Amino acid sequence: MNIERIFNMVIRQVMRRLVNKGIGAGINAATKGRGAGQQQPMQTQQNTPADIEQQQSAKLMAKRARKAAKLGRRL
């Protein structure tokens, strides 16, 4: 095996890992939405129980989406 072929194999592996990490970071950033620092604290105090339940279900759905994306990247 010549050195060029070995070099290409190493470069391909490194690039594959970098691209996969970039895709994973993009998916995680898209599914997380806004950060906790951007929420309005007064709004959470005025929520009805139905609103609170809907927010909790939305968080659960986002968590499941992140897990599914992570599983998809592993396959």
N, C-alpha and C. Protein backbone atom coordinates (compact mmCIF):
# COMPACT_ATOMS: atom_id res chain seq x y z
N MET A 1 0.84 -1.18 0.00
CA MET A 1 0.00 0.00 0.00
C MET A 1 0.89 1.25 0.00
N ASN A 2 0.57 2.16 -0.84
CA ASN A 2 1.38 3.38 -0.86
C ASN A 2 0.87 4.40 0.16
N ILE A 3 1.69 5.39 0.43
CA ILE A 3 1.38 6.37 1.48
C ILE A 3 0.16 7.23 1.13
N GLU A 4 -0.06 7.47 -0.16
CA GLU A 4 -1.19 8.29 -0.57
C GLU A 4 -2.52 7.59 -0.23
N ARG A 5 -2.56 6.31 -0.44
CA ARG A 5 -3.78 5.55 -0.16
C ARG A 5 -4.08 5.53 1.35
N ILE A 6 -3.05 5.34 2.16
CA ILE A 6 -3.22 5.37 3.61
C ILE A 6 -3.68 6.75 4.07
N PHE A 7 -3.06 7.77 3.52
CA PHE A 7 -3.43 9.15 3.85
C PHE A 7 -4.89 9.42 3.51
N ASN A 8 -5.35 8.96 2.35
CA ASN A 8 -6.75 9.16 1.95
C ASN A 8 -7.72 8.44 2.88
N MET A 9 -7.35 7.24 3.32
CA MET A 9 -8.22 6.51 4.25
C MET A 9 -8.37 7.26 5.57
N VAL A 10 -7.26 7.78 6.08
CA VAL A 10 -7.30 8.51 7.35
C VAL A 10 -8.12 9.79 7.20
N ILE A 11 -7.89 10.50 6.13
CA ILE A 11 -8.63 11.75 5.89
C ILE A 11 -10.13 11.47 5.77
N ARG A 12 -10.52 10.40 5.07
CA ARG A 12 -11.93 10.06 4.94
C ARG A 12 -12.57 9.78 6.30
N GLN A 13 -11.88 9.06 7.15
CA GLN A 13 -12.43 8.75 8.48
C GLN A 13 -12.60 10.01 9.31
N VAL A 14 -11.61 10.88 9.29
CA VAL A 14 -11.69 12.13 10.05
C VAL A 14 -12.82 13.01 9.52
N MET A 15 -12.92 13.13 8.21
CA MET A 15 -13.98 13.96 7.63
C MET A 15 -15.37 13.39 7.94
N ARG A 16 -15.52 12.07 7.91
CA ARG A 16 -16.80 11.46 8.22
C ARG A 16 -17.22 11.78 9.65
N ARG A 17 -16.27 11.69 10.57
CA ARG A 17 -16.59 11.99 11.97
C ARG A 17 -16.94 13.46 12.16
N LEU A 18 -16.21 14.34 11.49
CA LEU A 18 -16.50 15.77 11.62
C LEU A 18 -17.87 16.12 11.04
N VAL A 19 -18.19 15.55 9.90
CA VAL A 19 -19.50 15.83 9.28
C VAL A 19 -20.61 15.28 10.16
N ASN A 20 -20.44 14.08 10.71
CA ASN A 20 -21.47 13.51 11.58
C ASN A 20 -21.67 14.35 12.83
N LYS A 21 -20.58 14.85 13.41
CA LYS A 21 -20.72 15.72 14.58
C LYS A 21 -21.42 17.02 14.23
N GLY A 22 -21.11 17.57 13.06
CA GLY A 22 -21.77 18.80 12.62
C GLY A 22 -23.26 18.60 12.39
N ILE A 23 -23.62 17.49 11.79
CA ILE A 23 -25.03 17.18 11.57
C ILE A 23 -25.73 16.99 12.91
N GLY A 24 -25.09 16.28 13.81
CA GLY A 24 -25.68 16.07 15.14
C GLY A 24 -25.88 17.37 15.89
N ALA A 25 -24.90 18.25 15.82
CA ALA A 25 -25.01 19.55 16.49
C ALA A 25 -26.14 20.38 15.89
N GLY A 26 -26.28 20.32 14.58
CA GLY A 26 -27.36 21.06 13.92
C GLY A 26 -28.73 20.54 14.31
N ILE A 27 -28.87 19.23 14.38
CA ILE A 27 -30.15 18.64 14.78
C ILE A 27 -30.46 18.99 16.23
N ASN A 28 -29.47 18.89 17.09
CA ASN A 28 -29.69 19.24 18.50
C ASN A 28 -30.07 20.71 18.65
N ALA A 29 -29.42 21.58 17.91
CA ALA A 29 -29.73 23.01 17.99
C ALA A 29 -31.15 23.28 17.49
N ALA A 30 -31.57 22.57 16.46
CA ALA A 30 -32.91 22.78 15.91
C ALA A 30 -34.00 22.25 16.83
N THR A 31 -33.75 21.16 17.51
CA THR A 31 -34.79 20.57 18.35
C THR A 31 -34.88 21.20 19.73
N LYS A 32 -33.84 21.84 20.18
CA LYS A 32 -33.87 22.45 21.51
C LYS A 32 -34.67 23.75 21.52
N GLY A 33 -34.70 24.45 20.42
CA GLY A 33 -35.44 25.70 20.37
C GLY A 33 -34.75 26.80 21.15
N ARG A 34 -35.52 27.65 21.77
CA ARG A 34 -34.96 28.77 22.52
C ARG A 34 -34.39 28.30 23.85
N GLY A 35 -33.38 29.02 24.30
CA GLY A 35 -32.76 28.68 25.57
C GLY A 35 -33.60 29.15 26.75
N ALA A 36 -33.26 28.70 27.93
CA ALA A 36 -34.01 29.05 29.14
C ALA A 36 -33.87 30.53 29.47
N GLY A 37 -32.79 31.15 29.05
CA GLY A 37 -32.56 32.56 29.36
C GLY A 37 -33.47 33.50 28.58
N GLN A 38 -34.08 33.02 27.51
CA GLN A 38 -34.91 33.88 26.68
C GLN A 38 -36.39 33.81 27.05
N GLN A 39 -36.77 32.96 27.97
CA GLN A 39 -38.17 32.85 28.36
C GLN A 39 -38.55 34.00 29.28
N GLN A 40 -39.82 34.35 29.26
CA GLN A 40 -40.30 35.43 30.11
C GLN A 40 -40.82 34.83 31.41
N PRO A 41 -40.26 35.21 32.55
CA PRO A 41 -40.68 34.59 33.81
C PRO A 41 -42.12 34.91 34.20
N MET A 42 -42.65 36.06 33.82
CA MET A 42 -44.01 36.43 34.18
C MET A 42 -45.03 35.58 33.43
N GLN A 43 -44.68 35.12 32.24
CA GLN A 43 -45.60 34.35 31.43
C GLN A 43 -45.87 32.98 32.07
N THR A 44 -44.87 32.36 32.68
CA THR A 44 -45.05 31.04 33.27
C THR A 44 -45.96 31.09 34.48
N GLN A 45 -46.05 32.23 35.18
CA GLN A 45 -46.91 32.34 36.34
C GLN A 45 -48.38 32.49 35.95
N GLN A 46 -48.68 32.95 34.75
CA GLN A 46 -50.04 33.20 34.33
C GLN A 46 -50.63 32.04 33.52
N ASN A 47 -49.90 30.96 33.39
CA ASN A 47 -50.38 29.83 32.59
C ASN A 47 -51.47 29.06 33.33
N THR A 48 -52.41 28.56 32.54
CA THR A 48 -53.45 27.70 33.09
C THR A 48 -52.90 26.28 33.18
N PRO A 49 -53.57 25.41 33.92
CA PRO A 49 -53.10 24.01 33.99
C PRO A 49 -53.04 23.34 32.62
N ALA A 50 -53.95 23.69 31.72
CA ALA A 50 -53.92 23.12 30.37
C ALA A 50 -52.67 23.57 29.62
N ASP A 51 -52.29 24.85 29.79
CA ASP A 51 -51.09 25.37 29.14
C ASP A 51 -49.84 24.67 29.68
N ILE A 52 -49.82 24.47 30.97
CA ILE A 52 -48.67 23.80 31.59
C ILE A 52 -48.55 22.37 31.08
N GLU A 53 -49.68 21.68 30.97
CA GLU A 53 -49.67 20.31 30.47
C GLU A 53 -49.20 20.27 29.01
N GLN A 54 -49.63 21.25 28.22
CA GLN A 54 -49.22 21.31 26.82
C GLN A 54 -47.72 21.58 26.71
N GLN A 55 -47.18 22.45 27.56
CA GLN A 55 -45.75 22.73 27.55
C GLN A 55 -44.94 21.49 27.93
N GLN A 56 -45.44 20.75 28.91
CA GLN A 56 -44.75 19.54 29.33
C GLN A 56 -44.76 18.49 28.21
N SER A 57 -45.88 18.37 27.52
CA SER A 57 -45.94 17.40 26.43
C SER A 57 -45.04 17.83 25.26
N ALA A 58 -44.93 19.13 25.03
CA ALA A 58 -44.04 19.62 23.98
C ALA A 58 -42.58 19.34 24.33
N LYS A 59 -42.22 19.51 25.60
CA LYS A 59 -40.85 19.19 26.03
C LYS A 59 -40.57 17.70 25.86
N LEU A 60 -41.56 16.88 26.20
CA LEU A 60 -41.39 15.43 26.06
C LEU A 60 -41.22 15.05 24.59
N MET A 61 -42.01 15.67 23.71
CA MET A 61 -41.90 15.39 22.28
C MET A 61 -40.53 15.80 21.75
N ALA A 62 -40.03 16.95 22.19
CA ALA A 62 -38.71 17.41 21.75
C ALA A 62 -37.63 16.44 22.24
N LYS A 63 -37.78 15.97 23.46
CA LYS A 63 -36.82 15.02 24.01
C LYS A 63 -36.83 13.73 23.19
N ARG A 64 -38.02 13.26 22.84
CA ARG A 64 -38.12 12.05 22.03
C ARG A 64 -37.53 12.27 20.63
N ALA A 65 -37.73 13.46 20.08
CA ALA A 65 -37.17 13.76 18.76
C ALA A 65 -35.64 13.76 18.81
N ARG A 66 -35.07 14.31 19.89
CA ARG A 66 -33.61 14.29 20.03
C ARG A 66 -33.09 12.87 20.15
N LYS A 67 -33.80 12.03 20.92
CA LYS A 67 -33.39 10.64 21.07
C LYS A 67 -33.49 9.91 19.72
N ALA A 68 -34.55 10.15 18.97
CA ALA A 68 -34.71 9.50 17.67
C ALA A 68 -33.61 9.95 16.70
N ALA A 69 -33.27 11.23 16.74
CA ALA A 69 -32.20 11.74 15.87
C ALA A 69 -30.87 11.10 16.26
N LYS A 70 -30.65 10.97 17.56
CA LYS A 70 -29.40 10.36 18.03
C LYS A 70 -29.34 8.90 17.60
N LEU A 71 -30.45 8.19 17.72
CA LEU A 71 -30.49 6.79 17.30
C LEU A 71 -30.29 6.69 15.79
N GLY A 72 -30.88 7.59 15.04
CA GLY A 72 -30.72 7.59 13.59
C GLY A 72 -29.28 7.83 13.16
N ARG A 73 -28.59 8.68 13.90
CA ARG A 73 -27.19 8.94 13.56
C ARG A 73 -26.32 7.73 13.85
N ARG A 74 -26.71 6.93 14.84
CA ARG A 74 -25.93 5.73 15.18
C ARG A 74 -26.05 4.66 14.10
N LEU A 75 -27.21 4.62 13.44
CA LEU A 75 -27.43 3.60 12.40
C LEU A 75 -26.81 4.04 11.15
